[in-house]
Each structure stands twice: as C-alpha cells, then as structure tokens.
Amino acid sequence: MPNLHSYRETTMLILQLAKAAICKPGGQFVGVQRGVPRTGNPNLVLFNDPMTGTTLPLAVNNKHFTVQRVQAKIEHSRHRLAESRRGGY
C-alpha cells in the first residue's frame, strides 16, 4: 500500500523533527497525544522539562513546530514555577 507507507514515512519524519526541536533547548520527548481537530482539539506533542519536572504540551497546528516555540514554552513554565514558589500565583 503506497499510501500507508507514505503516511508512515511522513509521520516518522515529523516525529524526528519534533524530537530534534525538543532536545535542542534541553527538553525530553515524551510522545504525541492525538487530538480531535474537528472539535478544535489539535494533536499535541508532549515533552518534559528536566529542570522543573513538568510535562509540557505544544500543539501541532498550522504554525511550524520550532526550537523557538519549544524554548518559549520551557521558559514560560520555569517562570510560572518560580512565581508560584514566591507566592505569586
């Protein structure tokens, strides 16, 4: 089945690119949570921030899945954790 083979190859390539984008800023790839796009719930790539011990989601949508988006998500999570420890949240 050429279509199934092509789908698998594309999926594997997307996962490899996502893993690379996550690892570069220090994250750890966890997996993919399938969404239901017709209801507005996109697929999510899940990754851990080893510094805070949190698992973070990043939607896979029309925007590109980039190192910068992963880094921003990690930094935001670290900021929120620091604020909560100071009693700011």
PDB file of N, CA and C in Angstrom:
ATOM      1  N   MET A   1       0.836  -1.179   0.000  1.00  0.00           N
ATOM      2  CA  MET A   1       0.000   0.000   0.000  1.00  0.00           C
ATOM      3  C   MET A   1       0.887   1.251   0.000  1.00  0.00           C
ATOM      4  N   PRO A   2       1.018   1.905  -1.104  1.00  0.00           N
ATOM      5  CA  PRO A   2       1.867   3.079  -1.166  1.00  0.00           C
ATOM      6  C   PRO A   2       1.388   4.214  -0.272  1.00  0.00           C
ATOM      7  N   ASN A   3       0.089   4.401  -0.144  1.00  0.00           N
ATOM      8  CA  ASN A   3      -0.418   5.493   0.677  1.00  0.00           C
ATOM      9  C   ASN A   3      -0.106   5.279   2.154  1.00  0.00           C
ATOM     10  N   LEU A   4      -0.272   4.074   2.648  1.00  0.00           N
ATOM     11  CA  LEU A   4       0.026   3.777   4.036  1.00  0.00           C
ATOM     12  C   LEU A   4       1.514   3.921   4.302  1.00  0.00           C
ATOM     13  N   HIS A   5       2.336   3.432   3.383  1.00  0.00           N
ATOM     14  CA  HIS A   5       3.781   3.555   3.519  1.00  0.00           C
ATOM     15  C   HIS A   5       4.199   5.029   3.541  1.00  0.00           C
ATOM     16  N   SER A   6       3.641   5.808   2.655  1.00  0.00           N
ATOM     17  CA  SER A   6       3.938   7.243   2.587  1.00  0.00           C
ATOM     18  C   SER A   6       3.514   7.936   3.881  1.00  0.00           C
ATOM     19  N   TYR A   7       2.344   7.580   4.402  1.00  0.00           N
ATOM     20  CA  TYR A   7       1.851   8.155   5.659  1.00  0.00           C
ATOM     21  C   TYR A   7       2.810   7.842   6.797  1.00  0.00           C
ATOM     22  N   ARG A   8       3.266   6.594   6.875  1.00  0.00           N
ATOM     23  CA  ARG A   8       4.197   6.197   7.935  1.00  0.00           C
ATOM     24  C   ARG A   8       5.519   6.944   7.825  1.00  0.00           C
ATOM     25  N   GLU A   9       6.022   7.071   6.601  1.00  0.00           N
ATOM     26  CA  GLU A   9       7.277   7.802   6.404  1.00  0.00           C
ATOM     27  C   GLU A   9       7.126   9.259   6.825  1.00  0.00           C
ATOM     28  N   THR A  10       6.025   9.879   6.448  1.00  0.00           N
ATOM     29  CA  THR A  10       5.776  11.270   6.808  1.00  0.00           C
ATOM     30  C   THR A  10       5.655  11.415   8.320  1.00  0.00           C
ATOM     31  N   THR A  11       4.941  10.509   8.951  1.00  0.00           N
ATOM     32  CA  THR A  11       4.770  10.549  10.399  1.00  0.00           C
ATOM     33  C   THR A  11       6.113  10.390  11.109  1.00  0.00           C
ATOM     34  N   MET A  12       6.935   9.474  10.651  1.00  0.00           N
ATOM     35  CA  MET A  12       8.251   9.265  11.260  1.00  0.00           C
ATOM     36  C   MET A  12       9.131  10.502  11.093  1.00  0.00           C
ATOM     37  N   LEU A  13       9.073  11.139   9.949  1.00  0.00           N
ATOM     38  CA  LEU A  13       9.852  12.349   9.714  1.00  0.00           C
ATOM     39  C   LEU A  13       9.397  13.469  10.641  1.00  0.00           C
ATOM     40  N   ILE A  14       8.097  13.632  10.790  1.00  0.00           N
ATOM     41  CA  ILE A  14       7.561  14.660  11.687  1.00  0.00           C
ATOM     42  C   ILE A  14       8.010  14.392  13.118  1.00  0.00           C
ATOM     43  N   LEU A  15       7.966  13.141  13.555  1.00  0.00           N
ATOM     44  CA  LEU A  15       8.402  12.807  14.914  1.00  0.00           C
ATOM     45  C   LEU A  15       9.890  13.088  15.102  1.00  0.00           C
ATOM     46  N   GLN A  16      10.702  12.767  14.115  1.00  0.00           N
ATOM     47  CA  GLN A  16      12.140  13.037  14.215  1.00  0.00           C
ATOM     48  C   GLN A  16      12.406  14.534  14.320  1.00  0.00           C
ATOM     49  N   LEU A  17      11.702  15.328  13.525  1.00  0.00           N
ATOM     50  CA  LEU A  17      11.876  16.777  13.580  1.00  0.00           C
ATOM     51  C   LEU A  17      11.402  17.336  14.923  1.00  0.00           C
ATOM     52  N   ALA A  18      10.290  16.830  15.429  1.00  0.00           N
ATOM     53  CA  ALA A  18       9.791  17.279  16.728  1.00  0.00           C
ATOM     54  C   ALA A  18      10.775  16.929  17.833  1.00  0.00           C
ATOM     55  N   LYS A  19      11.318  15.727  17.798  1.00  0.00           N
ATOM     56  CA  LYS A  19      12.292  15.318  18.814  1.00  0.00           C
ATOM     57  C   LYS A  19      13.524  16.210  18.777  1.00  0.00           C
ATOM     58  N   ALA A  20      13.997  16.550  17.580  1.00  0.00           N
ATOM     59  CA  ALA A  20      15.166  17.419  17.447  1.00  0.00           C
ATOM     60  C   ALA A  20      14.860  18.810  17.991  1.00  0.00           C
ATOM     61  N   ALA A  21      13.671  19.333  17.699  1.00  0.00           N
ATOM     62  CA  ALA A  21      13.282  20.663  18.185  1.00  0.00           C
ATOM     63  C   ALA A  21      13.144  20.686  19.694  1.00  0.00           C
ATOM     64  N   ILE A  22      12.780  19.574  20.289  1.00  0.00           N
ATOM     65  CA  ILE A  22      12.618  19.490  21.745  1.00  0.00           C
ATOM     66  C   ILE A  22      13.964  19.326  22.437  1.00  0.00           C
ATOM     67  N   CYS A  23      14.823  18.505  21.891  1.00  0.00           N
ATOM     68  CA  CYS A  23      16.110  18.213  22.532  1.00  0.00           C
ATOM     69  C   CYS A  23      17.071  19.395  22.515  1.00  0.00           C
ATOM     70  N   LYS A  24      17.045  20.195  21.462  1.00  0.00           N
ATOM     71  CA  LYS A  24      17.990  21.303  21.337  1.00  0.00           C
ATOM     72  C   LYS A  24      17.929  22.270  22.525  1.00  0.00           C
ATOM     73  N   PRO A  25      16.746  22.716  22.975  1.00  0.00           N
ATOM     74  CA  PRO A  25      16.702  23.604  24.140  1.00  0.00           C
ATOM     75  C   PRO A  25      16.704  22.868  25.488  1.00  0.00           C
ATOM     76  N   GLY A  26      16.911  21.548  25.467  1.00  0.00           N
ATOM     77  CA  GLY A  26      17.032  20.808  26.718  1.00  0.00           C
ATOM     78  C   GLY A  26      15.819  20.020  27.153  1.00  0.00           C
ATOM     79  N   GLY A  27      14.798  19.933  26.325  1.00  0.00           N
ATOM     80  CA  GLY A  27      13.619  19.156  26.673  1.00  0.00           C
ATOM     81  C   GLY A  27      13.822  17.678  26.387  1.00  0.00           C
ATOM     82  N   GLN A  28      12.866  16.875  26.849  1.00  0.00           N
ATOM     83  CA  GLN A  28      12.887  15.429  26.629  1.00  0.00           C
ATOM     84  C   GLN A  28      11.554  15.017  26.011  1.00  0.00           C
ATOM     85  N   PHE A  29      11.627  14.429  24.820  1.00  0.00           N
ATOM     86  CA  PHE A  29      10.417  13.996  24.124  1.00  0.00           C
ATOM     87  C   PHE A  29       9.694  12.925  24.928  1.00  0.00           C
ATOM     88  N   VAL A  30       8.371  13.065  25.040  1.00  0.00           N
ATOM     89  CA  VAL A  30       7.538  12.079  25.729  1.00  0.00           C
ATOM     90  C   VAL A  30       6.680  11.311  24.737  1.00  0.00           C
ATOM     91  N   GLY A  31       5.960  12.018  23.895  1.00  0.00           N
ATOM     92  CA  GLY A  31       5.081  11.349  22.947  1.00  0.00           C
ATOM     93  C   GLY A  31       4.121  12.314  22.300  1.00  0.00           C
ATOM     94  N   VAL A  32       3.126  11.746  21.637  1.00  0.00           N
ATOM     95  CA  VAL A  32       2.116  12.541  20.946  1.00  0.00           C
ATOM     96  C   VAL A  32       0.752  12.149  21.471  1.00  0.00           C
ATOM     97  N   GLN A  33      -0.043  13.153  21.791  1.00  0.00           N
ATOM     98  CA  GLN A  33      -1.426  12.917  22.194  1.00  0.00           C
ATOM     99  C   GLN A  33      -2.294  13.333  21.012  1.00  0.00           C
ATOM    100  N   ARG A  34      -3.015  12.375  20.471  1.00  0.00           N
ATOM    101  CA  ARG A  34      -3.855  12.665  19.308  1.00  0.00           C
ATOM    102  C   ARG A  34      -5.049  13.494  19.737  1.00  0.00           C
ATOM    103  N   GLY A  35      -5.307  14.503  18.956  1.00  0.00           N
ATOM    104  CA  GLY A  35      -6.447  15.372  19.214  1.00  0.00           C
ATOM    105  C   GLY A  35      -7.625  15.001  18.338  1.00  0.00           C
ATOM    106  N   VAL A  36      -8.633  15.826  18.400  1.00  0.00           N
ATOM    107  CA  VAL A  36      -9.813  15.684  17.548  1.00  0.00           C
ATOM    108  C   VAL A  36      -9.975  17.031  16.841  1.00  0.00           C
ATOM    109  N   PRO A  37      -9.270  17.208  15.710  1.00  0.00           N
ATOM    110  CA  PRO A  37      -9.259  18.504  15.035  1.00  0.00           C
ATOM    111  C   PRO A  37     -10.637  19.078  14.713  1.00  0.00           C
ATOM    112  N   ARG A  38     -11.592  18.231  14.375  1.00  0.00           N
ATOM    113  CA  ARG A  38     -12.917  18.760  14.012  1.00  0.00           C
ATOM    114  C   ARG A  38     -13.626  19.410  15.200  1.00  0.00           C
ATOM    115  N   THR A  39     -13.189  19.097  16.413  1.00  0.00           N
ATOM    116  CA  THR A  39     -13.770  19.734  17.600  1.00  0.00           C
ATOM    117  C   THR A  39     -12.876  20.849  18.138  1.00  0.00           C
ATOM    118  N   GLY A  40     -11.796  21.144  17.424  1.00  0.00           N
ATOM    119  CA  GLY A  40     -10.904  22.218  17.847  1.00  0.00           C
ATOM    120  C   GLY A  40      -9.777  21.779  18.755  1.00  0.00           C
ATOM    121  N   ASN A  41      -9.631  20.481  18.967  1.00  0.00           N
ATOM    122  CA  ASN A  41      -8.558  19.959  19.806  1.00  0.00           C
ATOM    123  C   ASN A  41      -7.450  19.392  18.918  1.00  0.00           C
ATOM    124  N   PRO A  42      -6.332  20.119  18.796  1.00  0.00           N
ATOM    125  CA  PRO A  42      -5.261  19.670  17.902  1.00  0.00           C
ATOM    126  C   PRO A  42      -4.438  18.541  18.508  1.00  0.00           C
ATOM    127  N   ASN A  43      -3.639  17.894  17.683  1.00  0.00           N
ATOM    128  CA  ASN A  43      -2.658  16.938  18.182  1.00  0.00           C
ATOM    129  C   ASN A  43      -1.656  17.705  19.040  1.00  0.00           C
ATOM    130  N   LEU A  44      -1.181  17.074  20.099  1.00  0.00           N
ATOM    131  CA  LEU A  44      -0.206  17.693  20.990  1.00  0.00           C
ATOM    132  C   LEU A  44       1.060  16.856  21.045  1.00  0.00           C
ATOM    133  N   VAL A  45       2.192  17.524  20.982  1.00  0.00           N
ATOM    134  CA  VAL A  45       3.465  16.860  21.244  1.00  0.00           C
ATOM    135  C   VAL A  45       3.774  17.139  22.708  1.00  0.00           C
ATOM    136  N   LEU A  46       4.073  16.100  23.465  1.00  0.00           N
ATOM    137  CA  LEU A  46       4.355  16.229  24.892  1.00  0.00           C
ATOM    138  C   LEU A  46       5.852  16.073  25.127  1.00  0.00           C
ATOM    139  N   PHE A  47       6.393  16.931  26.003  1.00  0.00           N
ATOM    140  CA  PHE A  47       7.808  16.846  26.335  1.00  0.00           C
ATOM    141  C   PHE A  47       8.022  17.285  27.776  1.00  0.00           C
ATOM    142  N   ASN A  48       9.086  16.779  28.370  1.00  0.00           N
ATOM    143  CA  ASN A  48       9.424  17.102  29.755  1.00  0.00           C
ATOM    144  C   ASN A  48      10.479  18.191  29.808  1.00  0.00           C
ATOM    145  N   ASP A  49      10.369  19.011  30.842  1.00  0.00           N
ATOM    146  CA  ASP A  49      11.440  19.945  31.187  1.00  0.00           C
ATOM    147  C   ASP A  49      12.146  19.320  32.384  1.00  0.00           C
ATOM    148  N   PRO A  50      13.367  18.807  32.202  1.00  0.00           N
ATOM    149  CA  PRO A  50      14.037  18.121  33.305  1.00  0.00           C
ATOM    150  C   PRO A  50      14.352  19.036  34.490  1.00  0.00           C
ATOM    151  N   MET A  51      14.439  20.337  34.264  1.00  0.00           N
ATOM    152  CA  MET A  51      14.745  21.256  35.363  1.00  0.00           C
ATOM    153  C   MET A  51      13.573  21.389  36.337  1.00  0.00           C
ATOM    154  N   THR A  52      12.352  21.433  35.795  1.00  0.00           N
ATOM    155  CA  THR A  52      11.181  21.613  36.652  1.00  0.00           C
ATOM    156  C   THR A  52      10.432  20.315  36.907  1.00  0.00           C
ATOM    157  N   GLY A  53      10.694  19.300  36.084  1.00  0.00           N
ATOM    158  CA  GLY A  53       9.993  18.036  36.234  1.00  0.00           C
ATOM    159  C   GLY A  53       8.578  18.066  35.684  1.00  0.00           C
ATOM    160  N   THR A  54       8.266  19.059  34.871  1.00  0.00           N
ATOM    161  CA  THR A  54       6.919  19.166  34.319  1.00  0.00           C
ATOM    162  C   THR A  54       6.856  18.598  32.904  1.00  0.00           C
ATOM    163  N   THR A  55       5.670  18.120  32.551  1.00  0.00           N
ATOM    164  CA  THR A  55       5.404  17.687  31.186  1.00  0.00           C
ATOM    165  C   THR A  55       4.609  18.793  30.521  1.00  0.00           C
ATOM    166  N   LEU A  56       5.093  19.220  29.358  1.00  0.00           N
ATOM    167  CA  LEU A  56       4.501  20.354  28.665  1.00  0.00           C
ATOM    168  C   LEU A  56       3.929  19.918  27.320  1.00  0.00           C
ATOM    169  N   PRO A  57       2.798  20.504  26.906  1.00  0.00           N
ATOM    170  CA  PRO A  57       2.237  20.204  25.591  1.00  0.00           C
ATOM    171  C   PRO A  57       2.531  21.345  24.617  1.00  0.00           C
ATOM    172  N   LEU A  58       2.639  21.006  23.366  1.00  0.00           N
ATOM    173  CA  LEU A  58       2.736  22.018  22.320  1.00  0.00           C
ATOM    174  C   LEU A  58       1.909  21.527  21.141  1.00  0.00           C
ATOM    175  N   ALA A  59       0.940  22.337  20.750  1.00  0.00           N
ATOM    176  CA  ALA A  59       0.034  21.955  19.667  1.00  0.00           C
ATOM    177  C   ALA A  59       0.768  21.873  18.344  1.00  0.00           C
ATOM    178  N   VAL A  60       0.392  20.885  17.576  1.00  0.00           N
ATOM    179  CA  VAL A  60       0.898  20.754  16.216  1.00  0.00           C
ATOM    180  C   VAL A  60      -0.240  21.248  15.334  1.00  0.00           C
ATOM    181  N   ASN A  61      -0.088  22.478  14.845  1.00  0.00           N
ATOM    182  CA  ASN A  61      -1.134  23.064  14.013  1.00  0.00           C
ATOM    183  C   ASN A  61      -0.504  23.718  12.796  1.00  0.00           C
ATOM    184  N   ASN A  62      -1.118  24.740  12.263  1.00  0.00           N
ATOM    185  CA  ASN A  62      -0.601  25.380  11.059  1.00  0.00           C
ATOM    186  C   ASN A  62       0.735  26.072  11.284  1.00  0.00           C
ATOM    187  N   LYS A  63       1.024  26.455  12.514  1.00  0.00           N
ATOM    188  CA  LYS A  63       2.309  27.078  12.808  1.00  0.00           C
ATOM    189  C   LYS A  63       3.379  25.998  12.793  1.00  0.00           C
ATOM    190  N   HIS A  64       4.578  26.412  12.517  1.00  0.00           N
ATOM    191  CA  HIS A  64       5.675  25.455  12.484  1.00  0.00           C
ATOM    192  C   HIS A  64       6.079  25.055  13.899  1.00  0.00           C
ATOM    193  N   PHE A  65       6.437  23.817  14.065  1.00  0.00           N
ATOM    194  CA  PHE A  65       6.946  23.302  15.339  1.00  0.00           C
ATOM    195  C   PHE A  65       8.436  23.622  15.362  1.00  0.00           C
ATOM    196  N   THR A  66       8.824  24.627  16.127  1.00  0.00           N
ATOM    197  CA  THR A  66      10.200  25.118  16.079  1.00  0.00           C
ATOM    198  C   THR A  66      10.889  25.023  17.425  1.00  0.00           C
ATOM    199  N   VAL A  67      12.201  25.100  17.381  1.00  0.00           N
ATOM    200  CA  VAL A  67      13.008  25.142  18.598  1.00  0.00           C
ATOM    201  C   VAL A  67      12.599  26.356  19.431  1.00  0.00           C
ATOM    202  N   GLN A  68      12.339  27.480  18.775  1.00  0.00           N
ATOM    203  CA  GLN A  68      11.971  28.704  19.483  1.00  0.00           C
ATOM    204  C   GLN A  68      10.654  28.550  20.236  1.00  0.00           C
ATOM    205  N   ARG A  69       9.685  27.858  19.643  1.00  0.00           N
ATOM    206  CA  ARG A  69       8.409  27.643  20.335  1.00  0.00           C
ATOM    207  C   ARG A  69       8.585  26.720  21.530  1.00  0.00           C
ATOM    208  N   VAL A  70       9.420  25.691  21.379  1.00  0.00           N
ATOM    209  CA  VAL A  70       9.697  24.780  22.497  1.00  0.00           C
ATOM    210  C   VAL A  70      10.411  25.547  23.607  1.00  0.00           C
ATOM    211  N   GLN A  71      11.427  26.332  23.248  1.00  0.00           N
ATOM    212  CA  GLN A  71      12.190  27.108  24.233  1.00  0.00           C
ATOM    213  C   GLN A  71      11.275  28.081  24.979  1.00  0.00           C
ATOM    214  N   ALA A  72      10.394  28.750  24.256  1.00  0.00           N
ATOM    215  CA  ALA A  72       9.467  29.685  24.889  1.00  0.00           C
ATOM    216  C   ALA A  72       8.543  28.976  25.869  1.00  0.00           C
ATOM    217  N   LYS A  73       8.086  27.789  25.501  1.00  0.00           N
ATOM    218  CA  LYS A  73       7.206  27.010  26.385  1.00  0.00           C
ATOM    219  C   LYS A  73       7.948  26.614  27.661  1.00  0.00           C
ATOM    220  N   ILE A  74       9.202  26.181  27.517  1.00  0.00           N
ATOM    221  CA  ILE A  74      10.022  25.805  28.673  1.00  0.00           C
ATOM    222  C   ILE A  74      10.258  27.020  29.570  1.00  0.00           C
ATOM    223  N   GLU A  75      10.638  28.142  28.976  1.00  0.00           N
ATOM    224  CA  GLU A  75      10.909  29.352  29.758  1.00  0.00           C
ATOM    225  C   GLU A  75       9.666  29.831  30.492  1.00  0.00           C
ATOM    226  N   HIS A  76       8.508  29.783  29.830  1.00  0.00           N
ATOM    227  CA  HIS A  76       7.263  30.188  30.471  1.00  0.00           C
ATOM    228  C   HIS A  76       6.950  29.280  31.662  1.00  0.00           C
ATOM    229  N   SER A  77       7.141  27.997  31.483  1.00  0.00           N
ATOM    230  CA  SER A  77       6.892  27.042  32.567  1.00  0.00           C
ATOM    231  C   SER A  77       7.818  27.306  33.756  1.00  0.00           C
ATOM    232  N   ARG A  78       9.082  27.568  33.471  1.00  0.00           N
ATOM    233  CA  ARG A  78      10.047  27.848  34.547  1.00  0.00           C
ATOM    234  C   ARG A  78       9.700  29.139  35.268  1.00  0.00           C
ATOM    235  N   HIS A  79       9.255  30.132  34.515  1.00  0.00           N
ATOM    236  CA  HIS A  79       8.859  31.409  35.117  1.00  0.00           C
ATOM    237  C   HIS A  79       7.657  31.218  36.039  1.00  0.00           C
ATOM    238  N   ARG A  80       6.663  30.464  35.556  1.00  0.00           N
ATOM    239  CA  ARG A  80       5.474  30.219  36.386  1.00  0.00           C
ATOM    240  C   ARG A  80       5.812  29.436  37.648  1.00  0.00           C
ATOM    241  N   LEU A  81       6.726  28.457  37.528  1.00  0.00           N
ATOM    242  CA  LEU A  81       7.131  27.691  38.704  1.00  0.00           C
ATOM    243  C   LEU A  81       7.842  28.586  39.701  1.00  0.00           C
ATOM    244  N   ALA A  82       8.740  29.436  39.223  1.00  0.00           N
ATOM    245  CA  ALA A  82       9.457  30.366  40.114  1.00  0.00           C
ATOM    246  C   ALA A  82       8.480  31.317  40.798  1.00  0.00           C
ATOM    247  N   GLU A  83       7.499  31.817  40.042  1.00  0.00           N
ATOM    248  CA  GLU A  83       6.497  32.714  40.622  1.00  0.00           C
ATOM    249  C   GLU A  83       5.659  32.007  41.673  1.00  0.00           C
ATOM    250  N   SER A  84       5.291  30.765  41.422  1.00  0.00           N
ATOM    251  CA  SER A  84       4.470  30.039  42.402  1.00  0.00           C
ATOM    252  C   SER A  84       5.245  29.759  43.680  1.00  0.00           C
ATOM    253  N   ARG A  85       6.535  29.534  43.543  1.00  0.00           N
ATOM    254  CA  ARG A  85       7.365  29.306  44.728  1.00  0.00           C
ATOM    255  C   ARG A  85       7.512  30.571  45.560  1.00  0.00           C
ATOM    256  N   ARG A  86       7.415  31.733  44.891  1.00  0.00           N
ATOM    257  CA  ARG A  86       7.482  33.019  45.609  1.00  0.00           C
ATOM    258  C   ARG A  86       6.103  33.464  46.078  1.00  0.00           C
ATOM    259  N   GLY A  87       5.067  32.686  45.745  1.00  0.00           N
ATOM    260  CA  GLY A  87       3.716  33.026  46.155  1.00  0.00           C
ATOM    261  C   GLY A  87       3.013  33.964  45.205  1.00  0.00           C
ATOM    262  N   GLY A  88       3.516  34.073  43.974  1.00  0.00           N
ATOM    263  CA  GLY A  88       2.942  34.999  43.010  1.00  0.00           C
ATOM    264  C   GLY A  88       1.752  34.444  42.250  1.00  0.00           C
ATOM    265  N   TYR A  89       1.508  33.160  42.284  1.00  0.00           N
ATOM    266  CA  TYR A  89       0.364  32.577  41.574  1.00  0.00           C
ATOM    267  C   TYR A  89      -0.563  31.928  42.550  1.00  0.00           C
TER     268      TYR A  89
END
